[in-house]
Amino acid sequence: MSRGKAYLITGKYEEAYAVLTRLLEIESENIIALKYRGEINYIMERYEESFSDLKNLLKIKPDDVWVEEAYEFVDGIR
């Protein structure tokens, strides 16, 4: 997980995406991985994928204000 975050921070989005995707294949409800991958997809203008990650995250954390706002924002631009 920390490698994915490091890639995200340093702007290596494809590498971060790959690491987080592998993690989500093992732990499909990893909230941190879903959040970071949703952000990466948004940055890379993959809005449908970002929306999907945020939608899954919202199912896990329905009362999270950040997730709700990010979900609505991405839904508005996709």
N, C-alpha and C. Protein backbone atom coordinates (compact mmCIF):
# COMPACT_ATOMS: atom_id res chain seq x y z
N MET A 1 0.82 -1.19 0.00
CA MET A 1 0.00 0.00 0.00
C MET A 1 0.86 1.26 0.00
N SER A 2 1.90 1.26 0.82
CA SER A 2 2.73 2.46 0.91
C SER A 2 3.44 2.76 -0.41
N ARG A 3 3.72 1.71 -1.18
CA ARG A 3 4.35 1.94 -2.48
C ARG A 3 3.38 2.65 -3.42
N GLY A 4 2.11 2.26 -3.38
CA GLY A 4 1.10 2.93 -4.19
C GLY A 4 0.96 4.39 -3.82
N LYS A 5 0.99 4.68 -2.54
CA LYS A 5 0.90 6.07 -2.07
C LYS A 5 2.13 6.86 -2.51
N ALA A 6 3.30 6.23 -2.41
CA ALA A 6 4.53 6.91 -2.82
C ALA A 6 4.49 7.25 -4.31
N TYR A 7 4.02 6.31 -5.12
CA TYR A 7 3.89 6.57 -6.56
C TYR A 7 2.91 7.72 -6.81
N LEU A 8 1.81 7.72 -6.08
CA LEU A 8 0.82 8.79 -6.24
C LEU A 8 1.43 10.15 -5.90
N ILE A 9 2.11 10.22 -4.79
CA ILE A 9 2.70 11.49 -4.34
C ILE A 9 3.74 12.00 -5.33
N THR A 10 4.49 11.09 -5.94
CA THR A 10 5.55 11.49 -6.87
C THR A 10 5.06 11.64 -8.31
N GLY A 11 3.75 11.48 -8.51
CA GLY A 11 3.19 11.69 -9.84
C GLY A 11 3.34 10.52 -10.79
N LYS A 12 3.70 9.36 -10.28
CA LYS A 12 3.83 8.16 -11.11
C LYS A 12 2.49 7.41 -11.07
N TYR A 13 1.53 7.98 -11.78
CA TYR A 13 0.15 7.52 -11.66
C TYR A 13 -0.08 6.12 -12.22
N GLU A 14 0.52 5.79 -13.33
CA GLU A 14 0.33 4.44 -13.89
C GLU A 14 0.86 3.38 -12.93
N GLU A 15 2.03 3.65 -12.34
CA GLU A 15 2.61 2.71 -11.38
C GLU A 15 1.73 2.59 -10.14
N ALA A 16 1.24 3.72 -9.65
CA ALA A 16 0.36 3.72 -8.48
C ALA A 16 -0.92 2.96 -8.79
N TYR A 17 -1.47 3.20 -9.97
CA TYR A 17 -2.69 2.51 -10.38
C TYR A 17 -2.48 1.00 -10.39
N ALA A 18 -1.36 0.56 -10.94
CA ALA A 18 -1.08 -0.88 -11.03
C ALA A 18 -0.96 -1.50 -9.64
N VAL A 19 -0.24 -0.84 -8.74
CA VAL A 19 -0.06 -1.36 -7.38
C VAL A 19 -1.41 -1.43 -6.65
N LEU A 20 -2.19 -0.38 -6.75
CA LEU A 20 -3.48 -0.34 -6.06
C LEU A 20 -4.47 -1.34 -6.65
N THR A 21 -4.42 -1.53 -7.95
CA THR A 21 -5.30 -2.51 -8.58
C THR A 21 -4.97 -3.92 -8.11
N ARG A 22 -3.67 -4.23 -8.02
CA ARG A 22 -3.27 -5.55 -7.50
C ARG A 22 -3.76 -5.73 -6.06
N LEU A 23 -3.63 -4.69 -5.26
CA LEU A 23 -4.10 -4.77 -3.88
C LEU A 23 -5.61 -4.99 -3.83
N LEU A 24 -6.35 -4.30 -4.67
CA LEU A 24 -7.81 -4.44 -4.67
C LEU A 24 -8.26 -5.80 -5.20
N GLU A 25 -7.43 -6.46 -5.98
CA GLU A 25 -7.75 -7.82 -6.41
C GLU A 25 -7.72 -8.77 -5.22
N ILE A 26 -6.91 -8.45 -4.22
CA ILE A 26 -6.79 -9.27 -3.02
C ILE A 26 -7.78 -8.80 -1.95
N GLU A 27 -7.88 -7.49 -1.78
CA GLU A 27 -8.75 -6.88 -0.76
C GLU A 27 -9.69 -5.90 -1.45
N SER A 28 -10.78 -6.39 -1.97
CA SER A 28 -11.68 -5.56 -2.80
C SER A 28 -12.32 -4.41 -2.03
N GLU A 29 -12.34 -4.48 -0.71
CA GLU A 29 -12.96 -3.42 0.08
C GLU A 29 -11.94 -2.59 0.85
N ASN A 30 -10.72 -2.53 0.36
CA ASN A 30 -9.69 -1.72 1.00
C ASN A 30 -10.01 -0.25 0.74
N ILE A 31 -10.45 0.44 1.78
CA ILE A 31 -10.94 1.81 1.59
C ILE A 31 -9.85 2.78 1.15
N ILE A 32 -8.66 2.59 1.64
CA ILE A 32 -7.57 3.50 1.26
C ILE A 32 -7.20 3.30 -0.21
N ALA A 33 -7.11 2.04 -0.63
CA ALA A 33 -6.77 1.75 -2.03
C ALA A 33 -7.85 2.27 -2.97
N LEU A 34 -9.11 2.11 -2.60
CA LEU A 34 -10.20 2.62 -3.43
C LEU A 34 -10.15 4.14 -3.54
N LYS A 35 -9.86 4.80 -2.42
CA LYS A 35 -9.79 6.27 -2.43
C LYS A 35 -8.65 6.74 -3.33
N TYR A 36 -7.47 6.18 -3.13
CA TYR A 36 -6.32 6.61 -3.93
C TYR A 36 -6.52 6.29 -5.41
N ARG A 37 -7.05 5.10 -5.70
CA ARG A 37 -7.26 4.75 -7.11
C ARG A 37 -8.33 5.64 -7.74
N GLY A 38 -9.36 5.97 -6.97
CA GLY A 38 -10.36 6.91 -7.46
C GLY A 38 -9.76 8.26 -7.79
N GLU A 39 -8.84 8.72 -6.94
CA GLU A 39 -8.15 9.99 -7.19
C GLU A 39 -7.27 9.90 -8.43
N ILE A 40 -6.54 8.80 -8.55
CA ILE A 40 -5.66 8.62 -9.71
C ILE A 40 -6.47 8.60 -11.00
N ASN A 41 -7.57 7.87 -11.00
CA ASN A 41 -8.41 7.82 -12.20
C ASN A 41 -8.93 9.21 -12.55
N TYR A 42 -9.27 9.99 -11.55
CA TYR A 42 -9.73 11.36 -11.80
C TYR A 42 -8.61 12.19 -12.41
N ILE A 43 -7.44 12.13 -11.82
CA ILE A 43 -6.29 12.90 -12.33
C ILE A 43 -5.99 12.53 -13.78
N MET A 44 -6.13 11.25 -14.10
CA MET A 44 -5.83 10.77 -15.45
C MET A 44 -7.03 10.90 -16.39
N GLU A 45 -8.07 11.59 -15.91
CA GLU A 45 -9.29 11.85 -16.68
C GLU A 45 -10.01 10.58 -17.09
N ARG A 46 -9.92 9.56 -16.26
CA ARG A 46 -10.68 8.33 -16.46
C ARG A 46 -11.87 8.40 -15.49
N TYR A 47 -12.82 9.22 -15.89
CA TYR A 47 -13.90 9.58 -14.99
C TYR A 47 -14.84 8.42 -14.67
N GLU A 48 -15.12 7.57 -15.62
CA GLU A 48 -15.99 6.42 -15.35
C GLU A 48 -15.36 5.49 -14.32
N GLU A 49 -14.05 5.26 -14.45
CA GLU A 49 -13.35 4.41 -13.50
C GLU A 49 -13.30 5.07 -12.12
N SER A 50 -13.07 6.37 -12.10
CA SER A 50 -13.06 7.10 -10.84
C SER A 50 -14.43 7.00 -10.17
N PHE A 51 -15.47 7.21 -10.96
CA PHE A 51 -16.84 7.12 -10.45
C PHE A 51 -17.10 5.74 -9.87
N SER A 52 -16.66 4.70 -10.56
CA SER A 52 -16.86 3.33 -10.10
C SER A 52 -16.16 3.08 -8.76
N ASP A 53 -14.91 3.53 -8.65
CA ASP A 53 -14.18 3.36 -7.38
C ASP A 53 -14.88 4.11 -6.25
N LEU A 54 -15.30 5.33 -6.52
CA LEU A 54 -15.97 6.12 -5.48
C LEU A 54 -17.33 5.53 -5.12
N LYS A 55 -18.01 4.97 -6.10
CA LYS A 55 -19.30 4.32 -5.84
C LYS A 55 -19.10 3.12 -4.91
N ASN A 56 -18.06 2.32 -5.19
CA ASN A 56 -17.76 1.18 -4.32
C ASN A 56 -17.36 1.65 -2.93
N LEU A 57 -16.60 2.71 -2.86
CA LEU A 57 -16.19 3.26 -1.57
C LEU A 57 -17.39 3.78 -0.79
N LEU A 58 -18.32 4.38 -1.48
CA LEU A 58 -19.53 4.90 -0.82
C LEU A 58 -20.38 3.77 -0.24
N LYS A 59 -20.36 2.61 -0.88
CA LYS A 59 -21.08 1.45 -0.35
C LYS A 59 -20.47 0.99 0.98
N ILE A 60 -19.16 1.13 1.09
CA ILE A 60 -18.45 0.70 2.29
C ILE A 60 -18.54 1.76 3.38
N LYS A 61 -18.44 3.04 2.99
CA LYS A 61 -18.45 4.16 3.94
C LYS A 61 -19.54 5.16 3.56
N PRO A 62 -20.81 4.79 3.73
CA PRO A 62 -21.90 5.65 3.26
C PRO A 62 -22.00 7.00 3.98
N ASP A 63 -21.42 7.13 5.14
CA ASP A 63 -21.53 8.38 5.89
C ASP A 63 -20.28 9.25 5.79
N ASP A 64 -19.36 8.90 4.91
CA ASP A 64 -18.12 9.66 4.77
C ASP A 64 -18.37 10.87 3.87
N VAL A 65 -18.22 12.05 4.44
CA VAL A 65 -18.53 13.29 3.72
C VAL A 65 -17.61 13.47 2.51
N TRP A 66 -16.31 13.21 2.66
CA TRP A 66 -15.37 13.37 1.55
C TRP A 66 -15.77 12.46 0.39
N VAL A 67 -16.08 11.22 0.69
CA VAL A 67 -16.46 10.27 -0.36
C VAL A 67 -17.72 10.73 -1.07
N GLU A 68 -18.70 11.15 -0.30
CA GLU A 68 -19.96 11.62 -0.87
C GLU A 68 -19.75 12.82 -1.79
N GLU A 69 -18.95 13.78 -1.34
CA GLU A 69 -18.70 14.97 -2.16
C GLU A 69 -17.89 14.64 -3.41
N ALA A 70 -16.89 13.79 -3.28
CA ALA A 70 -16.07 13.39 -4.43
C ALA A 70 -16.93 12.63 -5.44
N TYR A 71 -17.78 11.74 -4.94
CA TYR A 71 -18.68 10.96 -5.80
C TYR A 71 -19.60 11.89 -6.60
N GLU A 72 -20.21 12.85 -5.93
CA GLU A 72 -21.11 13.78 -6.61
C GLU A 72 -20.36 14.65 -7.61
N PHE A 73 -19.15 15.06 -7.27
CA PHE A 73 -18.34 15.88 -8.16
C PHE A 73 -18.00 15.12 -9.44
N VAL A 74 -17.49 13.91 -9.29
CA VAL A 74 -17.10 13.11 -10.46
C VAL A 74 -18.33 12.74 -11.27
N ASP A 75 -19.44 12.46 -10.60
CA ASP A 75 -20.67 12.13 -11.31
C ASP A 75 -21.10 13.30 -12.20
N GLY A 76 -20.85 14.51 -11.75
CA GLY A 76 -21.24 15.70 -12.51
C GLY A 76 -20.39 15.96 -13.74
N ILE A 77 -19.18 15.40 -13.80
CA ILE A 77 -18.31 15.67 -14.95
C ILE A 77 -18.12 14.48 -15.87
N ARG A 78 -18.62 13.33 -15.49
CA ARG A 78 -18.39 12.15 -16.34
C ARG A 78 -19.31 12.09 -17.52
